[in-house]
Amino acid sequence: MMKWKLVTMLVVIASLLVGCGASKSYVDEQVAASESRYNADISKLKDQTDANADQLARLQGLADQLSQKTDMAINSAKGFEDYQTLWTGVINFGFDSYDITGEAEQILMECGDKMNEHPEALVEIAGHTDGTGTAKYNMMLGEMRAEGSKRFLTDRYGVSLYRMFTVSYGKTKPAATSMEQQNASKNRRVTLTVWGRP
């Protein structure tokens, strides 16, 4: 009986030892897999950090270029400090139109005369729209109105392109805030501002 108990105990101990070997092997596999994942994550983070550093260097280079161009623009703008508004005018347009009317031509002709009187003068041509339609479409329509006015000044008066600056505000800067038809028509416009030395 005692022998039988001893044999049984040896079998149990042997089983435990074999089980521990299997458990150790399992643990080793899990540790190796975890280390592999950890190393892969570290490698990804290193690659991402390197990419971020490259992007940061590129952005810094662009910022330096922009700073240089800004300095050049400021230096080039010297001599314009005494420029003042010499003349302003407003031309209006029909609904969803950028066609220049006879009345608009008269105002553009005044602008052209003023530009020819002052060969150093510059003109800002700003296009505006009423509130109808999308913001994107209105920005495009305002630009077409400004460009049409610029083309008129070039064709009729020979004003050099470098003396004219166009911008579109779309529907963002209304002259009249009411959406009544009469007020909306005031917003369909181009404003002209001639800058120069008095």
Protein backbone atom coordinates (compact mmCIF):
# COMPACT_ATOMS: atom_id res chain seq x y z
CA MET A 1 0.00 0.00 0.00
CA MET A 2 2.80 2.30 0.96
CA LYS A 3 4.54 1.46 -2.28
CA TRP A 4 1.42 2.32 -4.22
CA LYS A 5 1.17 5.73 -2.50
CA LEU A 6 4.82 6.43 -3.26
CA VAL A 7 4.36 5.53 -6.94
CA THR A 8 1.25 7.72 -7.15
CA MET A 9 3.10 10.63 -5.55
CA LEU A 10 6.02 10.22 -7.96
CA VAL A 11 3.60 10.22 -10.90
CA VAL A 12 1.96 13.43 -9.58
CA ILE A 13 5.36 15.10 -9.07
CA ALA A 14 6.49 14.04 -12.55
CA SER A 15 3.28 15.45 -14.01
CA LEU A 16 3.81 18.72 -12.20
CA LEU A 17 7.36 18.96 -13.43
CA VAL A 18 6.27 18.25 -17.03
CA GLY A 19 3.42 20.80 -16.61
CA CYS A 20 5.87 23.41 -15.31
CA GLY A 21 8.06 22.82 -18.33
CA ALA A 22 5.07 23.35 -20.60
CA SER A 23 4.06 26.49 -18.65
CA LYS A 24 7.58 27.87 -18.85
CA SER A 25 7.62 27.30 -22.59
CA TYR A 26 4.25 29.06 -22.91
CA VAL A 27 5.46 32.00 -20.80
CA ASP A 28 8.63 32.23 -22.88
CA GLU A 29 6.55 32.36 -26.07
CA GLN A 30 4.30 35.08 -24.63
CA VAL A 31 7.27 37.15 -23.45
CA ALA A 32 8.92 36.83 -26.88
CA ALA A 33 5.70 37.89 -28.66
CA SER A 34 5.29 40.84 -26.27
CA GLU A 35 8.91 41.92 -26.82
CA SER A 36 8.40 41.67 -30.58
CA ARG A 37 5.27 43.88 -30.41
CA TYR A 38 7.09 46.33 -28.13
CA ASN A 39 10.05 46.56 -30.51
CA ALA A 40 7.70 47.05 -33.49
CA ASP A 41 5.87 49.85 -31.61
CA ILE A 42 9.18 51.49 -30.71
CA SER A 43 10.29 51.26 -34.35
CA LYS A 44 7.01 52.85 -35.52
CA LEU A 45 7.34 55.65 -32.98
CA LYS A 46 10.92 56.29 -34.08
CA ASP A 47 9.85 56.43 -37.74
CA GLN A 48 6.99 58.78 -36.89
CA THR A 49 9.29 60.98 -34.81
CA ASP A 50 11.77 61.14 -37.70
CA ALA A 51 8.95 62.02 -40.12
CA ASN A 52 7.68 64.73 -37.74
CA ALA A 53 11.19 66.13 -37.43
CA ASP A 54 11.51 66.25 -41.24
CA GLN A 55 8.13 67.96 -41.56
CA LEU A 56 9.07 70.43 -38.83
CA ALA A 57 12.31 71.22 -40.65
CA ARG A 58 10.38 71.78 -43.91
CA LEU A 59 7.87 74.04 -42.13
CA GLN A 60 10.71 76.00 -40.54
CA GLY A 61 12.28 76.42 -43.98
CA LEU A 62 8.98 77.70 -45.39
CA ALA A 63 8.62 80.09 -42.45
CA ASP A 64 12.13 81.41 -43.12
CA GLN A 65 11.32 81.90 -46.83
CA LEU A 66 8.08 83.69 -45.95
CA SER A 67 9.93 85.95 -43.55
CA GLN A 68 12.48 86.81 -46.26
CA LYS A 69 9.71 87.52 -48.78
CA THR A 70 7.89 89.69 -46.24
CA ASP A 71 11.07 91.66 -45.64
CA MET A 72 11.51 92.07 -49.42
CA ALA A 73 7.89 93.23 -49.78
CA ILE A 74 8.32 95.77 -46.97
CA ASN A 75 11.53 97.05 -48.55
CA SER A 76 9.85 97.23 -51.98
CA ALA A 77 6.90 99.10 -50.50
CA LYS A 78 9.12 101.92 -49.29
CA GLY A 79 8.19 105.06 -51.09
CA PHE A 80 4.44 104.37 -50.84
CA GLU A 81 4.18 105.79 -47.30
CA ASP A 82 2.83 109.11 -48.59
CA TYR A 83 0.19 107.52 -50.85
CA GLN A 84 -3.34 108.71 -50.20
CA THR A 85 -6.76 108.02 -51.63
CA LEU A 86 -7.02 110.16 -54.78
CA TRP A 87 -10.39 108.95 -56.01
CA THR A 88 -13.11 106.41 -55.23
CA GLY A 89 -16.00 105.10 -57.27
CA VAL A 90 -18.67 102.41 -57.18
CA ILE A 91 -20.22 100.61 -60.12
CA ASN A 92 -23.27 98.37 -59.84
CA PHE A 93 -24.27 95.18 -61.63
CA GLY A 94 -27.46 93.34 -62.46
CA PHE A 95 -28.52 90.22 -60.61
CA ASP A 96 -26.07 87.34 -61.17
CA SER A 97 -24.23 89.42 -63.79
CA TYR A 98 -20.76 90.79 -64.35
CA ASP A 99 -21.62 92.74 -67.52
CA ILE A 100 -20.49 96.36 -67.45
CA THR A 101 -23.36 98.74 -68.14
CA GLY A 102 -23.18 102.17 -69.80
CA GLU A 103 -23.44 103.83 -66.39
CA ALA A 104 -20.61 101.64 -65.08
CA GLU A 105 -18.48 102.61 -68.10
CA GLN A 106 -18.80 106.29 -67.18
CA ILE A 107 -17.42 105.63 -63.69
CA LEU A 108 -14.64 103.40 -65.03
CA MET A 109 -13.71 106.17 -67.47
CA GLU A 110 -13.33 108.59 -64.53
CA CYS A 111 -11.07 106.00 -62.90
CA GLY A 112 -9.03 105.60 -66.10
CA ASP A 113 -8.61 109.38 -66.39
CA LYS A 114 -7.41 109.57 -62.79
CA MET A 115 -4.93 106.72 -63.37
CA ASN A 116 -3.54 108.49 -66.45
CA GLU A 117 -3.26 111.80 -64.56
CA HIS A 118 -1.14 110.03 -61.92
CA PRO A 119 1.20 107.55 -63.66
CA GLU A 120 2.48 106.31 -60.29
CA ALA A 121 -1.03 105.63 -58.93
CA LEU A 122 -2.40 102.18 -58.09
CA VAL A 123 -6.03 101.08 -58.07
CA GLU A 124 -7.75 98.54 -55.85
CA ILE A 125 -10.73 96.89 -57.55
CA ALA A 126 -12.96 95.04 -55.07
CA GLY A 127 -15.85 92.84 -56.22
CA HIS A 128 -18.96 92.34 -54.08
CA THR A 129 -22.25 90.43 -54.40
CA ASP A 130 -25.64 90.30 -52.73
CA GLY A 131 -26.50 87.50 -50.28
CA THR A 132 -28.15 85.17 -52.79
CA GLY A 133 -26.34 81.88 -53.46
CA THR A 134 -23.44 80.04 -51.88
CA ALA A 135 -20.38 81.75 -50.46
CA LYS A 136 -18.14 79.97 -53.00
CA TYR A 137 -20.22 81.07 -55.99
CA ASN A 138 -20.39 84.65 -54.70
CA MET A 139 -16.61 84.80 -54.26
CA MET A 140 -16.25 83.71 -57.90
CA LEU A 141 -18.88 86.22 -59.10
CA GLY A 142 -17.20 89.05 -57.16
CA GLU A 143 -13.88 88.11 -58.77
CA MET A 144 -15.43 88.13 -62.26
CA ARG A 145 -16.87 91.60 -61.61
CA ALA A 146 -13.49 92.91 -60.44
CA GLU A 147 -11.63 91.27 -63.35
CA GLY A 148 -14.13 92.70 -65.87
CA SER A 149 -13.49 96.19 -64.49
CA LYS A 150 -9.73 95.64 -64.65
CA ARG A 151 -9.99 94.47 -68.27
CA PHE A 152 -11.97 97.61 -69.16
CA LEU A 153 -9.26 99.86 -67.70
CA THR A 154 -6.54 97.98 -69.60
CA ASP A 155 -8.42 97.90 -72.92
CA ARG A 156 -9.69 101.49 -72.90
CA TYR A 157 -6.97 103.32 -70.99
CA GLY A 158 -3.90 101.11 -71.33
CA VAL A 159 -3.48 100.94 -67.54
CA SER A 160 -0.68 98.49 -66.81
CA LEU A 161 -1.72 95.32 -65.02
CA TYR A 162 0.87 95.78 -62.27
CA ARG A 163 -0.91 98.98 -61.24
CA MET A 164 -4.23 97.23 -60.61
CA PHE A 165 -5.10 94.87 -57.77
CA THR A 166 -8.32 92.85 -57.69
CA VAL A 167 -9.99 91.18 -54.75
CA SER A 168 -13.36 89.52 -54.22
CA TYR A 169 -15.27 89.83 -50.97
CA GLY A 170 -18.31 87.95 -52.30
CA LYS A 171 -21.20 88.56 -49.95
CA THR A 172 -19.06 89.17 -46.85
CA LYS A 173 -19.05 93.00 -46.93
CA PRO A 174 -22.53 94.20 -47.82
CA ALA A 175 -23.15 97.92 -48.36
CA ALA A 176 -26.78 97.40 -47.29
CA THR A 177 -27.84 94.70 -44.85
CA SER A 178 -31.54 94.45 -45.71
CA MET A 179 -32.45 91.72 -48.19
CA GLU A 180 -35.05 93.93 -49.89
CA GLN A 181 -34.54 94.03 -53.66
CA GLN A 182 -33.52 97.70 -53.64
CA ASN A 183 -30.87 97.20 -50.94
CA ALA A 184 -29.66 93.91 -52.42
CA SER A 185 -28.89 95.74 -55.68
CA LYS A 186 -26.56 98.09 -53.76
CA ASN A 187 -24.49 95.07 -52.77
CA ARG A 188 -23.94 93.92 -56.37
CA ARG A 189 -21.00 96.23 -56.96
CA VAL A 190 -17.33 96.88 -57.56
CA THR A 191 -15.59 99.52 -55.47
CA LEU A 192 -12.63 101.31 -57.03
CA THR A 193 -10.00 103.10 -54.95
CA VAL A 194 -7.15 104.97 -56.63
CA TRP A 195 -4.09 105.46 -54.43
CA GLY A 196 -1.26 107.86 -55.21
CA ARG A 197 0.65 110.96 -54.25
CA PRO A 198 -1.52 114.09 -54.08
